[in-house]
Amino acid sequence: MQIITTTTTTYMDFSPNYEAVFREIEQLKVCLDKALLYESYALFLEAKGMMNEAHFVYQSGISRNAEPIEKLKKAHAYFLERMQAIINACSHKKVDGGSPLNSGSNCINP
């Protein structure tokens, strides 16, 4: 079954409409029990800056007990760490004089 999952995610990687392929795979119930499917789609969404959607995809895979579940949970934890780092980098911090540091120009929209 790993070959089917790898082939499926490879097909998604080269498709011009990654999102439509994922939705079709979901409707056909192909590989829904494989962590690689959720991880690759969530990474795609994250790269597009669609953080809420990526988080939802990780949660969907975890709720469906996609295997290997520990790998998927670890990928989700790393995702949450990256999101926390972005939030921390973009938060307003006080400089020595007590005035807020304007970090808006220092933040990158992922």
PDB file of N, CA and C in Angstrom:
ATOM      1  N   MET A   1       0.817  -1.204   0.000  1.00  0.00           N
ATOM      2  CA  MET A   1       0.000   0.000   0.000  1.00  0.00           C
ATOM      3  C   MET A   1       0.859   1.264   0.000  1.00  0.00           C
ATOM      4  N   GLN A   2       2.112   1.179   0.486  1.00  0.00           N
ATOM      5  CA  GLN A   2       3.002   2.334   0.476  1.00  0.00           C
ATOM      6  C   GLN A   2       3.249   2.806  -0.957  1.00  0.00           C
ATOM      7  N   ILE A   3       3.339   1.870  -1.910  1.00  0.00           N
ATOM      8  CA  ILE A   3       3.568   2.235  -3.311  1.00  0.00           C
ATOM      9  C   ILE A   3       2.397   3.068  -3.831  1.00  0.00           C
ATOM     10  N   ILE A   4       1.184   2.692  -3.490  1.00  0.00           N
ATOM     11  CA  ILE A   4       0.004   3.440  -3.922  1.00  0.00           C
ATOM     12  C   ILE A   4       0.016   4.831  -3.309  1.00  0.00           C
ATOM     13  N   THR A   5       0.353   4.939  -2.029  1.00  0.00           N
ATOM     14  CA  THR A   5       0.400   6.243  -1.375  1.00  0.00           C
ATOM     15  C   THR A   5       1.458   7.123  -2.018  1.00  0.00           C
ATOM     16  N   THR A   6       2.644   6.573  -2.269  1.00  0.00           N
ATOM     17  CA  THR A   6       3.716   7.345  -2.888  1.00  0.00           C
ATOM     18  C   THR A   6       3.329   7.766  -4.300  1.00  0.00           C
ATOM     19  N   THR A   7       2.729   6.881  -5.054  1.00  0.00           N
ATOM     20  CA  THR A   7       2.280   7.207  -6.405  1.00  0.00           C
ATOM     21  C   THR A   7       1.217   8.296  -6.364  1.00  0.00           C
ATOM     22  N   THR A   8       0.307   8.193  -5.428  1.00  0.00           N
ATOM     23  CA  THR A   8      -0.761   9.183  -5.286  1.00  0.00           C
ATOM     24  C   THR A   8      -0.186  10.555  -4.972  1.00  0.00           C
ATOM     25  N   THR A   9       0.736  10.637  -4.010  1.00  0.00           N
ATOM     26  CA  THR A   9       1.298  11.933  -3.655  1.00  0.00           C
ATOM     27  C   THR A   9       2.196  12.468  -4.760  1.00  0.00           C
ATOM     28  N   THR A  10       2.878  11.592  -5.489  1.00  0.00           N
ATOM     29  CA  THR A  10       3.679  12.028  -6.635  1.00  0.00           C
ATOM     30  C   THR A  10       2.778  12.624  -7.706  1.00  0.00           C
ATOM     31  N   TYR A  11       1.641  11.980  -7.965  1.00  0.00           N
ATOM     32  CA  TYR A  11       0.674  12.498  -8.934  1.00  0.00           C
ATOM     33  C   TYR A  11       0.193  13.885  -8.499  1.00  0.00           C
ATOM     34  N   MET A  12      -0.080  14.032  -7.210  1.00  0.00           N
ATOM     35  CA  MET A  12      -0.520  15.321  -6.690  1.00  0.00           C
ATOM     36  C   MET A  12       0.557  16.378  -6.891  1.00  0.00           C
ATOM     37  N   ASP A  13       1.821  16.004  -6.658  1.00  0.00           N
ATOM     38  CA  ASP A  13       2.930  16.954  -6.788  1.00  0.00           C
ATOM     39  C   ASP A  13       3.031  17.537  -8.191  1.00  0.00           C
ATOM     40  N   PHE A  14       2.726  16.747  -9.207  1.00  0.00           N
ATOM     41  CA  PHE A  14       2.876  17.197 -10.580  1.00  0.00           C
ATOM     42  C   PHE A  14       1.575  17.678 -11.209  1.00  0.00           C
ATOM     43  N   SER A  15       0.518  17.650 -10.459  1.00  0.00           N
ATOM     44  CA  SER A  15      -0.763  18.110 -10.980  1.00  0.00           C
ATOM     45  C   SER A  15      -0.834  19.633 -10.911  1.00  0.00           C
ATOM     46  N   PRO A  16      -1.390  20.276 -11.930  1.00  0.00           N
ATOM     47  CA  PRO A  16      -1.535  21.727 -11.885  1.00  0.00           C
ATOM     48  C   PRO A  16      -2.585  22.179 -10.862  1.00  0.00           C
ATOM     49  N   ASN A  17      -3.459  21.275 -10.441  1.00  0.00           N
ATOM     50  CA  ASN A  17      -4.496  21.620  -9.470  1.00  0.00           C
ATOM     51  C   ASN A  17      -4.438  20.645  -8.291  1.00  0.00           C
ATOM     52  N   TYR A  18      -3.452  20.850  -7.460  1.00  0.00           N
ATOM     53  CA  TYR A  18      -3.174  19.994  -6.303  1.00  0.00           C
ATOM     54  C   TYR A  18      -4.414  19.839  -5.420  1.00  0.00           C
ATOM     55  N   GLU A  19      -5.093  20.941  -5.183  1.00  0.00           N
ATOM     56  CA  GLU A  19      -6.258  20.928  -4.293  1.00  0.00           C
ATOM     57  C   GLU A  19      -7.382  20.052  -4.842  1.00  0.00           C
ATOM     58  N   ALA A  20      -7.637  20.150  -6.140  1.00  0.00           N
ATOM     59  CA  ALA A  20      -8.689  19.342  -6.755  1.00  0.00           C
ATOM     60  C   ALA A  20      -8.354  17.858  -6.693  1.00  0.00           C
ATOM     61  N   VAL A  21      -7.083  17.538  -6.882  1.00  0.00           N
ATOM     62  CA  VAL A  21      -6.671  16.129  -6.803  1.00  0.00           C
ATOM     63  C   VAL A  21      -6.879  15.601  -5.391  1.00  0.00           C
ATOM     64  N   PHE A  22      -6.511  16.395  -4.382  1.00  0.00           N
ATOM     65  CA  PHE A  22      -6.717  15.958  -3.001  1.00  0.00           C
ATOM     66  C   PHE A  22      -8.201  15.729  -2.725  1.00  0.00           C
ATOM     67  N   ARG A  23      -9.040  16.646  -3.165  1.00  0.00           N
ATOM     68  CA  ARG A  23     -10.493  16.502  -2.939  1.00  0.00           C
ATOM     69  C   ARG A  23     -11.024  15.245  -3.642  1.00  0.00           C
ATOM     70  N   GLU A  24     -10.536  14.984  -4.844  1.00  0.00           N
ATOM     71  CA  GLU A  24     -10.968  13.786  -5.566  1.00  0.00           C
ATOM     72  C   GLU A  24     -10.516  12.521  -4.837  1.00  0.00           C
ATOM     73  N   ILE A  25      -9.290  12.522  -4.342  1.00  0.00           N
ATOM     74  CA  ILE A  25      -8.778  11.381  -3.573  1.00  0.00           C
ATOM     75  C   ILE A  25      -9.637  11.161  -2.332  1.00  0.00           C
ATOM     76  N   GLU A  26     -10.008  12.272  -1.700  1.00  0.00           N
ATOM     77  CA  GLU A  26     -10.863  12.186  -0.512  1.00  0.00           C
ATOM     78  C   GLU A  26     -12.226  11.592  -0.866  1.00  0.00           C
ATOM     79  N   GLN A  27     -12.824  12.055  -1.954  1.00  0.00           N
ATOM     80  CA  GLN A  27     -14.134  11.550  -2.363  1.00  0.00           C
ATOM     81  C   GLN A  27     -14.086  10.069  -2.720  1.00  0.00           C
ATOM     82  N   LEU A  28     -12.992   9.660  -3.368  1.00  0.00           N
ATOM     83  CA  LEU A  28     -12.841   8.254  -3.761  1.00  0.00           C
ATOM     84  C   LEU A  28     -12.356   7.377  -2.613  1.00  0.00           C
ATOM     85  N   LYS A  29     -12.019   8.023  -1.484  1.00  0.00           N
ATOM     86  CA  LYS A  29     -11.538   7.326  -0.285  1.00  0.00           C
ATOM     87  C   LYS A  29     -10.277   6.510  -0.566  1.00  0.00           C
ATOM     88  N   VAL A  30      -9.368   7.124  -1.333  1.00  0.00           N
ATOM     89  CA  VAL A  30      -8.102   6.490  -1.671  1.00  0.00           C
ATOM     90  C   VAL A  30      -7.042   6.952  -0.669  1.00  0.00           C
ATOM     91  N   CYS A  31      -6.397   6.027  -0.019  1.00  0.00           N
ATOM     92  CA  CYS A  31      -5.262   6.290   0.874  1.00  0.00           C
ATOM     93  C   CYS A  31      -5.598   7.200   2.056  1.00  0.00           C
ATOM     94  N   LEU A  32      -6.838   7.278   2.464  1.00  0.00           N
ATOM     95  CA  LEU A  32      -7.204   8.151   3.576  1.00  0.00           C
ATOM     96  C   LEU A  32      -6.626   7.680   4.902  1.00  0.00           C
ATOM     97  N   ASP A  33      -6.115   6.460   4.931  1.00  0.00           N
ATOM     98  CA  ASP A  33      -5.523   5.936   6.153  1.00  0.00           C
ATOM     99  C   ASP A  33      -4.000   6.079   6.160  1.00  0.00           C
ATOM    100  N   LYS A  34      -3.450   6.874   5.227  1.00  0.00           N
ATOM    101  CA  LYS A  34      -2.007   7.049   5.100  1.00  0.00           C
ATOM    102  C   LYS A  34      -1.590   8.474   5.468  1.00  0.00           C
ATOM    103  N   ALA A  35      -0.672   8.583   6.406  1.00  0.00           N
ATOM    104  CA  ALA A  35      -0.205   9.882   6.892  1.00  0.00           C
ATOM    105  C   ALA A  35       0.443  10.712   5.803  1.00  0.00           C
ATOM    106  N   LEU A  36       1.133  10.069   4.883  1.00  0.00           N
ATOM    107  CA  LEU A  36       1.831  10.787   3.821  1.00  0.00           C
ATOM    108  C   LEU A  36       0.894  11.666   3.001  1.00  0.00           C
ATOM    109  N   LEU A  37      -0.314  11.227   2.796  1.00  0.00           N
ATOM    110  CA  LEU A  37      -1.301  12.007   2.053  1.00  0.00           C
ATOM    111  C   LEU A  37      -1.583  13.338   2.749  1.00  0.00           C
ATOM    112  N   TYR A  38      -1.844  13.284   4.036  1.00  0.00           N
ATOM    113  CA  TYR A  38      -2.175  14.492   4.801  1.00  0.00           C
ATOM    114  C   TYR A  38      -0.957  15.395   4.964  1.00  0.00           C
ATOM    115  N   GLU A  39       0.182  14.782   5.213  1.00  0.00           N
ATOM    116  CA  GLU A  39       1.395  15.566   5.410  1.00  0.00           C
ATOM    117  C   GLU A  39       1.764  16.331   4.137  1.00  0.00           C
ATOM    118  N   SER A  40       1.716  15.671   2.999  1.00  0.00           N
ATOM    119  CA  SER A  40       2.095  16.351   1.756  1.00  0.00           C
ATOM    120  C   SER A  40       1.097  17.460   1.400  1.00  0.00           C
ATOM    121  N   TYR A  41      -0.187  17.206   1.607  1.00  0.00           N
ATOM    122  CA  TYR A  41      -1.177  18.240   1.292  1.00  0.00           C
ATOM    123  C   TYR A  41      -1.053  19.422   2.254  1.00  0.00           C
ATOM    124  N   ALA A  42      -0.836  19.147   3.530  1.00  0.00           N
ATOM    125  CA  ALA A  42      -0.683  20.231   4.513  1.00  0.00           C
ATOM    126  C   ALA A  42       0.551  21.079   4.201  1.00  0.00           C
ATOM    127  N   LEU A  43       1.639  20.444   3.789  1.00  0.00           N
ATOM    128  CA  LEU A  43       2.849  21.190   3.417  1.00  0.00           C
ATOM    129  C   LEU A  43       2.587  22.079   2.199  1.00  0.00           C
ATOM    130  N   PHE A  44       1.827  21.558   1.258  1.00  0.00           N
ATOM    131  CA  PHE A  44       1.450  22.344   0.082  1.00  0.00           C
ATOM    132  C   PHE A  44       0.657  23.588   0.513  1.00  0.00           C
ATOM    133  N   LEU A  45      -0.329  23.390   1.376  1.00  0.00           N
ATOM    134  CA  LEU A  45      -1.149  24.506   1.842  1.00  0.00           C
ATOM    135  C   LEU A  45      -0.319  25.517   2.620  1.00  0.00           C
ATOM    136  N   GLU A  46       0.580  25.013   3.455  1.00  0.00           N
ATOM    137  CA  GLU A  46       1.450  25.901   4.229  1.00  0.00           C
ATOM    138  C   GLU A  46       2.308  26.751   3.289  1.00  0.00           C
ATOM    139  N   ALA A  47       2.849  26.138   2.260  1.00  0.00           N
ATOM    140  CA  ALA A  47       3.674  26.866   1.296  1.00  0.00           C
ATOM    141  C   ALA A  47       2.874  27.973   0.598  1.00  0.00           C
ATOM    142  N   LYS A  48       1.576  27.764   0.448  1.00  0.00           N
ATOM    143  CA  LYS A  48       0.711  28.775  -0.167  1.00  0.00           C
ATOM    144  C   LYS A  48       0.233  29.815   0.849  1.00  0.00           C
ATOM    145  N   GLY A  49       0.606  29.651   2.123  1.00  0.00           N
ATOM    146  CA  GLY A  49       0.194  30.588   3.160  1.00  0.00           C
ATOM    147  C   GLY A  49      -1.184  30.305   3.721  1.00  0.00           C
ATOM    148  N   MET A  50      -1.712  29.133   3.446  1.00  0.00           N
ATOM    149  CA  MET A  50      -3.057  28.756   3.896  1.00  0.00           C
ATOM    150  C   MET A  50      -2.938  27.951   5.196  1.00  0.00           C
ATOM    151  N   MET A  51      -2.567  28.666   6.271  1.00  0.00           N
ATOM    152  CA  MET A  51      -2.229  28.009   7.535  1.00  0.00           C
ATOM    153  C   MET A  51      -3.422  27.328   8.202  1.00  0.00           C
ATOM    154  N   ASN A  52      -4.571  27.979   8.201  1.00  0.00           N
ATOM    155  CA  ASN A  52      -5.752  27.369   8.822  1.00  0.00           C
ATOM    156  C   ASN A  52      -6.134  26.071   8.115  1.00  0.00           C
ATOM    157  N   GLU A  53      -6.070  26.100   6.799  1.00  0.00           N
ATOM    158  CA  GLU A  53      -6.410  24.911   6.025  1.00  0.00           C
ATOM    159  C   GLU A  53      -5.406  23.792   6.276  1.00  0.00           C
ATOM    160  N   ALA A  54      -4.117  24.148   6.359  1.00  0.00           N
ATOM    161  CA  ALA A  54      -3.081  23.148   6.637  1.00  0.00           C
ATOM    162  C   ALA A  54      -3.313  22.509   8.003  1.00  0.00           C
ATOM    163  N   HIS A  55      -3.631  23.334   8.985  1.00  0.00           N
ATOM    164  CA  HIS A  55      -3.914  22.823  10.335  1.00  0.00           C
ATOM    165  C   HIS A  55      -5.101  21.856  10.296  1.00  0.00           C
ATOM    166  N   PHE A  56      -6.135  22.207   9.552  1.00  0.00           N
ATOM    167  CA  PHE A  56      -7.311  21.352   9.426  1.00  0.00           C
ATOM    168  C   PHE A  56      -6.954  20.011   8.785  1.00  0.00           C
ATOM    169  N   VAL A  57      -6.073  20.035   7.772  1.00  0.00           N
ATOM    170  CA  VAL A  57      -5.670  18.794   7.101  1.00  0.00           C
ATOM    171  C   VAL A  57      -4.931  17.883   8.069  1.00  0.00           C
ATOM    172  N   TYR A  58      -4.000  18.456   8.844  1.00  0.00           N
ATOM    173  CA  TYR A  58      -3.308  17.648   9.854  1.00  0.00           C
ATOM    174  C   TYR A  58      -4.318  17.040  10.836  1.00  0.00           C
ATOM    175  N   GLN A  59      -5.240  17.861  11.310  1.00  0.00           N
ATOM    176  CA  GLN A  59      -6.245  17.370  12.259  1.00  0.00           C
ATOM    177  C   GLN A  59      -7.109  16.277  11.646  1.00  0.00           C
ATOM    178  N   SER A  60      -7.449  16.405  10.375  1.00  0.00           N
ATOM    179  CA  SER A  60      -8.259  15.384   9.698  1.00  0.00           C
ATOM    180  C   SER A  60      -7.518  14.054   9.658  1.00  0.00           C
ATOM    181  N   GLY A  61      -6.247  14.106   9.285  1.00  0.00           N
ATOM    182  CA  GLY A  61      -5.451  12.878   9.234  1.00  0.00           C
ATOM    183  C   GLY A  61      -5.307  12.225  10.587  1.00  0.00           C
ATOM    184  N   ILE A  62      -5.103  13.041  11.606  1.00  0.00           N
ATOM    185  CA  ILE A  62      -4.965  12.507  12.965  1.00  0.00           C
ATOM    186  C   ILE A  62      -6.282  11.913  13.433  1.00  0.00           C
ATOM    187  N   SER A  63      -7.391  12.590  13.150  1.00  0.00           N
ATOM    188  CA  SER A  63      -8.698  12.063  13.585  1.00  0.00           C
ATOM    189  C   SER A  63      -9.056  10.770  12.856  1.00  0.00           C
ATOM    190  N   ARG A  64      -8.507  10.594  11.659  1.00  0.00           N
ATOM    191  CA  ARG A  64      -8.749   9.361  10.894  1.00  0.00           C
ATOM    192  C   ARG A  64      -7.714   8.283  11.209  1.00  0.00           C
ATOM    193  N   ASN A  65      -6.826   8.565  12.167  1.00  0.00           N
ATOM    194  CA  ASN A  65      -5.774   7.628  12.568  1.00  0.00           C
ATOM    195  C   ASN A  65      -4.923   7.165  11.391  1.00  0.00           C
ATOM    196  N   ALA A  66      -4.554   8.117  10.539  1.00  0.00           N
ATOM    197  CA  ALA A  66      -3.712   7.800   9.386  1.00  0.00           C
ATOM    198  C   ALA A  66      -2.364   7.264   9.872  1.00  0.00           C
ATOM    199  N   GLU A  67      -1.897   6.229   9.233  1.00  0.00           N
ATOM    200  CA  GLU A  67      -0.654   5.562   9.646  1.00  0.00           C
ATOM    201  C   GLU A  67       0.524   5.993   8.794  1.00  0.00           C
ATOM    202  N   PRO A  68       1.667   6.144   9.359  1.00  0.00           N
ATOM    203  CA  PRO A  68       1.976   6.017  10.781  1.00  0.00           C
ATOM    204  C   PRO A  68       1.537   7.273  11.539  1.00  0.00           C
ATOM    205  N   ILE A  69       0.680   7.085  12.500  1.00  0.00           N
ATOM    206  CA  ILE A  69       0.062   8.190  13.227  1.00  0.00           C
ATOM    207  C   ILE A  69       1.093   9.026  13.977  1.00  0.00           C
ATOM    208  N   GLU A  70       2.114   8.389  14.536  1.00  0.00           N
ATOM    209  CA  GLU A  70       3.121   9.149  15.281  1.00  0.00           C
ATOM    210  C   GLU A  70       3.896  10.094  14.363  1.00  0.00           C
ATOM    211  N   LYS A  71       4.162   9.654  13.148  1.00  0.00           N
ATOM    212  CA  LYS A  71       4.853  10.511  12.176  1.00  0.00           C
ATOM    213  C   LYS A  71       3.986  11.714  11.832  1.00  0.00           C
ATOM    214  N   LEU A  72       2.699  11.483  11.657  1.00  0.00           N
ATOM    215  CA  LEU A  72       1.782  12.578  11.340  1.00  0.00           C
ATOM    216  C   LEU A  72       1.655  13.544  12.519  1.00  0.00           C
ATOM    217  N   LYS A  73       1.582  13.020  13.717  1.00  0.00           N
ATOM    218  CA  LYS A  73       1.509  13.883  14.898  1.00  0.00           C
ATOM    219  C   LYS A  73       2.776  14.715  15.048  1.00  0.00           C
ATOM    220  N   LYS A  74       3.928  14.116  14.741  1.00  0.00           N
ATOM    221  CA  LYS A  74       5.193  14.840  14.824  1.00  0.00           C
ATOM    222  C   LYS A  74       5.239  15.943  13.760  1.00  0.00           C
ATOM    223  N   ALA A  75       4.783  15.637  12.554  1.00  0.00           N
ATOM    224  CA  ALA A  75       4.740  16.647  11.488  1.00  0.00           C
ATOM    225  C   ALA A  75       3.821  17.799  11.891  1.00  0.00           C
ATOM    226  N   HIS A  76       2.704  17.467  12.520  1.00  0.00           N
ATOM    227  CA  HIS A  76       1.767  18.496  12.983  1.00  0.00           C
ATOM    228  C   HIS A  76       2.402  19.342  14.076  1.00  0.00           C
ATOM    229  N   ALA A  77       3.125  18.706  14.984  1.00  0.00           N
ATOM    230  CA  ALA A  77       3.801  19.441  16.059  1.00  0.00           C
ATOM    231  C   ALA A  77       4.841  20.407  15.476  1.00  0.00           C
ATOM    232  N   TYR A  78       5.595  19.960  14.475  1.00  0.00           N
ATOM    233  CA  TYR A  78       6.567  20.839  13.823  1.00  0.00           C
ATOM    234  C   TYR A  78       5.861  22.006  13.131  1.00  0.00           C
ATOM    235  N   PHE A  79       4.734  21.722  12.517  1.00  0.00           N
ATOM    236  CA  PHE A  79       3.928  22.770  11.889  1.00  0.00           C
ATOM    237  C   PHE A  79       3.519  23.813  12.931  1.00  0.00           C
ATOM    238  N   LEU A  80       3.024  23.349  14.076  1.00  0.00           N
ATOM    239  CA  LEU A  80       2.602  24.273  15.136  1.00  0.00           C
ATOM    240  C   LEU A  80       3.786  25.090  15.652  1.00  0.00           C
ATOM    241  N   GLU A  81       4.961  24.485  15.733  1.00  0.00           N
ATOM    242  CA  GLU A  81       6.166  25.213  16.146  1.00  0.00           C
ATOM    243  C   GLU A  81       6.504  26.314  15.131  1.00  0.00           C
ATOM    244  N   ARG A  82       6.398  25.993  13.846  1.00  0.00           N
ATOM    245  CA  ARG A  82       6.664  27.002  12.819  1.00  0.00           C
ATOM    246  C   ARG A  82       5.662  28.150  12.915  1.00  0.00           C
ATOM    247  N   MET A  83       4.413  27.835  13.167  1.00  0.00           N
ATOM    248  CA  MET A  83       3.400  28.878  13.282  1.00  0.00           C
ATOM    249  C   MET A  83       3.660  29.745  14.516  1.00  0.00           C
ATOM    250  N   GLN A  84       4.075  29.119  15.606  1.00  0.00           N
ATOM    251  CA  GLN A  84       4.388  29.873  16.823  1.00  0.00           C
ATOM    252  C   GLN A  84       5.577  30.799  16.588  1.00  0.00           C
ATOM    253  N   ALA A  85       6.580  30.326  15.853  1.00  0.00           N
ATOM    254  CA  ALA A  85       7.742  31.160  15.542  1.00  0.00           C
ATOM    255  C   ALA A  85       7.333  32.373  14.712  1.00  0.00           C
ATOM    256  N   ILE A  86       6.414  32.173  13.776  1.00  0.00           N
ATOM    257  CA  ILE A  86       5.935  33.289  12.955  1.00  0.00           C
ATOM    258  C   ILE A  86       5.189  34.296  13.821  1.00  0.00           C
ATOM    259  N   ILE A  87       4.347  33.787  14.698  1.00  0.00           N
ATOM    260  CA  ILE A  87       3.581  34.664  15.592  1.00  0.00           C
ATOM    261  C   ILE A  87       4.529  35.450  16.491  1.00  0.00           C
ATOM    262  N   ASN A  88       5.525  34.759  17.051  1.00  0.00           N
ATOM    263  CA  ASN A  88       6.483  35.427  17.933  1.00  0.00           C
ATOM    264  C   ASN A  88       7.290  36.476  17.183  1.00  0.00           C
ATOM    265  N   ALA A  89       7.682  36.174  15.959  1.00  0.00           N
ATOM    266  CA  ALA A  89       8.471  37.111  15.167  1.00  0.00           C
ATOM    267  C   ALA A  89       7.672  38.357  14.805  1.00  0.00           C
ATOM    268  N   CYS A  90       6.385  38.209  14.676  1.00  0.00           N
ATOM    269  CA  CYS A  90       5.541  39.327  14.253  1.00  0.00           C
ATOM    270  C   CYS A  90       4.897  40.072  15.412  1.00  0.00           C
ATOM    271  N   SER A  91       5.095  39.598  16.629  1.00  0.00           N
ATOM    272  CA  SER A  91       4.464  40.271  17.764  1.00  0.00           C
ATOM    273  C   SER A  91       5.209  41.568  18.067  1.00  0.00           C
ATOM    274  N   HIS A  92       4.497  42.509  18.625  1.00  0.00           N
ATOM    275  CA  HIS A  92       5.084  43.805  18.976  1.00  0.00           C
ATOM    276  C   HIS A  92       5.837  43.645  20.280  1.00  0.00           C
ATOM    277  N   LYS A  93       7.126  43.959  20.237  1.00  0.00           N
ATOM    278  CA  LYS A  93       7.970  43.865  21.429  1.00  0.00           C
ATOM    279  C   LYS A  93       8.373  45.266  21.834  1.00  0.00           C
ATOM    280  N   LYS A  94       8.680  45.433  23.105  1.00  0.00           N
ATOM    281  CA  LYS A  94       9.117  46.732  23.595  1.00  0.00           C
ATOM    282  C   LYS A  94      10.632  46.817  23.522  1.00  0.00           C
ATOM    283  N   VAL A  95      11.086  47.975  23.087  1.00  0.00           N
ATOM    284  CA  VAL A  95      12.524  48.229  23.070  1.00  0.00           C
ATOM    285  C   VAL A  95      12.904  48.921  24.357  1.00  0.00           C
ATOM    286  N   ASP A  96      14.189  49.182  24.573  1.00  0.00           N
ATOM    287  CA  ASP A  96      14.679  49.735  25.835  1.00  0.00           C
ATOM    288  C   ASP A  96      13.914  50.965  26.311  1.00  0.00           C
ATOM    289  N   GLY A  97      13.527  51.824  25.423  1.00  0.00           N
ATOM    290  CA  GLY A  97      12.831  53.046  25.813  1.00  0.00           C
ATOM    291  C   GLY A  97      11.382  52.824  26.202  1.00  0.00           C
ATOM    292  N   GLY A  98      10.876  51.624  26.087  1.00  0.00           N
ATOM    293  CA  GLY A  98       9.506  51.337  26.463  1.00  0.00           C
ATOM    294  C   GLY A  98       8.510  51.522  25.334  1.00  0.00           C
ATOM    295  N   SER A  99       8.980  51.980  24.182  1.00  0.00           N
ATOM    296  CA  SER A  99       8.052  52.143  23.063  1.00  0.00           C
ATOM    297  C   SER A  99       7.973  50.847  22.275  1.00  0.00           C
ATOM    298  N   PRO A 100       6.821  50.563  21.696  1.00  0.00           N
ATOM    299  CA  PRO A 100       6.686  49.308  20.946  1.00  0.00           C
ATOM    300  C   PRO A 100       7.548  49.327  19.695  1.00  0.00           C
ATOM    301  N   LEU A 101       8.127  48.204  19.407  1.00  0.00           N
ATOM    302  CA  LEU A 101       8.940  48.040  18.201  1.00  0.00           C
ATOM    303  C   LEU A 101       7.994  47.751  17.045  1.00  0.00           C
ATOM    304  N   ASN A 102       8.103  48.489  15.986  1.00  0.00           N
ATOM    305  CA  ASN A 102       7.255  48.279  14.827  1.00  0.00           C
ATOM    306  C   ASN A 102       7.890  47.172  13.977  1.00  0.00           C
ATOM    307  N   SER A 103       7.416  45.966  14.145  1.00  0.00           N
ATOM    308  CA  SER A 103       8.013  44.832  13.430  1.00  0.00           C
ATOM    309  C   SER A 103       7.225  44.494  12.167  1.00  0.00           C
ATOM    310  N   GLY A 104       6.259  45.302  11.800  1.00  0.00           N
ATOM    311  CA  GLY A 104       5.453  45.004  10.629  1.00  0.00           C
ATOM    312  C   GLY A 104       6.254  44.848   9.361  1.00  0.00           C
ATOM    313  N   SER A 105       7.294  45.657   9.197  1.00  0.00           N
ATOM    314  CA  SER A 105       8.110  45.551   7.993  1.00  0.00           C
ATOM    315  C   SER A 105       9.086  44.383   8.060  1.00  0.00           C
ATOM    316  N   ASN A 106       9.282  43.824   9.251  1.00  0.00           N
ATOM    317  CA  ASN A 106      10.219  42.716   9.420  1.00  0.00           C
ATOM    318  C   ASN A 106       9.570  41.357   9.248  1.00  0.00           C
ATOM    319  N   CYS A 107       8.266  41.303   9.127  1.00  0.00           N
ATOM    320  CA  CYS A 107       7.549  40.036   9.041  1.00  0.00           C
ATOM    321  C   CYS A 107       7.335  39.659   7.583  1.00  0.00           C
ATOM    322  N   ILE A 108       7.420  38.388   7.353  1.00  0.00           N
ATOM    323  CA  ILE A 108       7.204  37.852   6.013  1.00  0.00           C
ATOM    324  C   ILE A 108       5.919  37.055   6.027  1.00  0.00           C
ATOM    325  N   ASN A 109       5.057  37.306   5.075  1.00  0.00           N
ATOM    326  CA  ASN A 109       3.829  36.545   4.965  1.00  0.00           C
ATOM    327  C   ASN A 109       4.180  35.186   4.377  1.00  0.00           C
ATOM    328  N   PRO A 110       4.014  34.109   5.168  1.00  0.00           N
ATOM    329  CA  PRO A 110       4.410  32.785   4.671  1.00  0.00           C
ATOM    330  C   PRO A 110       3.507  32.377   3.550  1.00  0.00           C
TER     331      PRO A 110
END
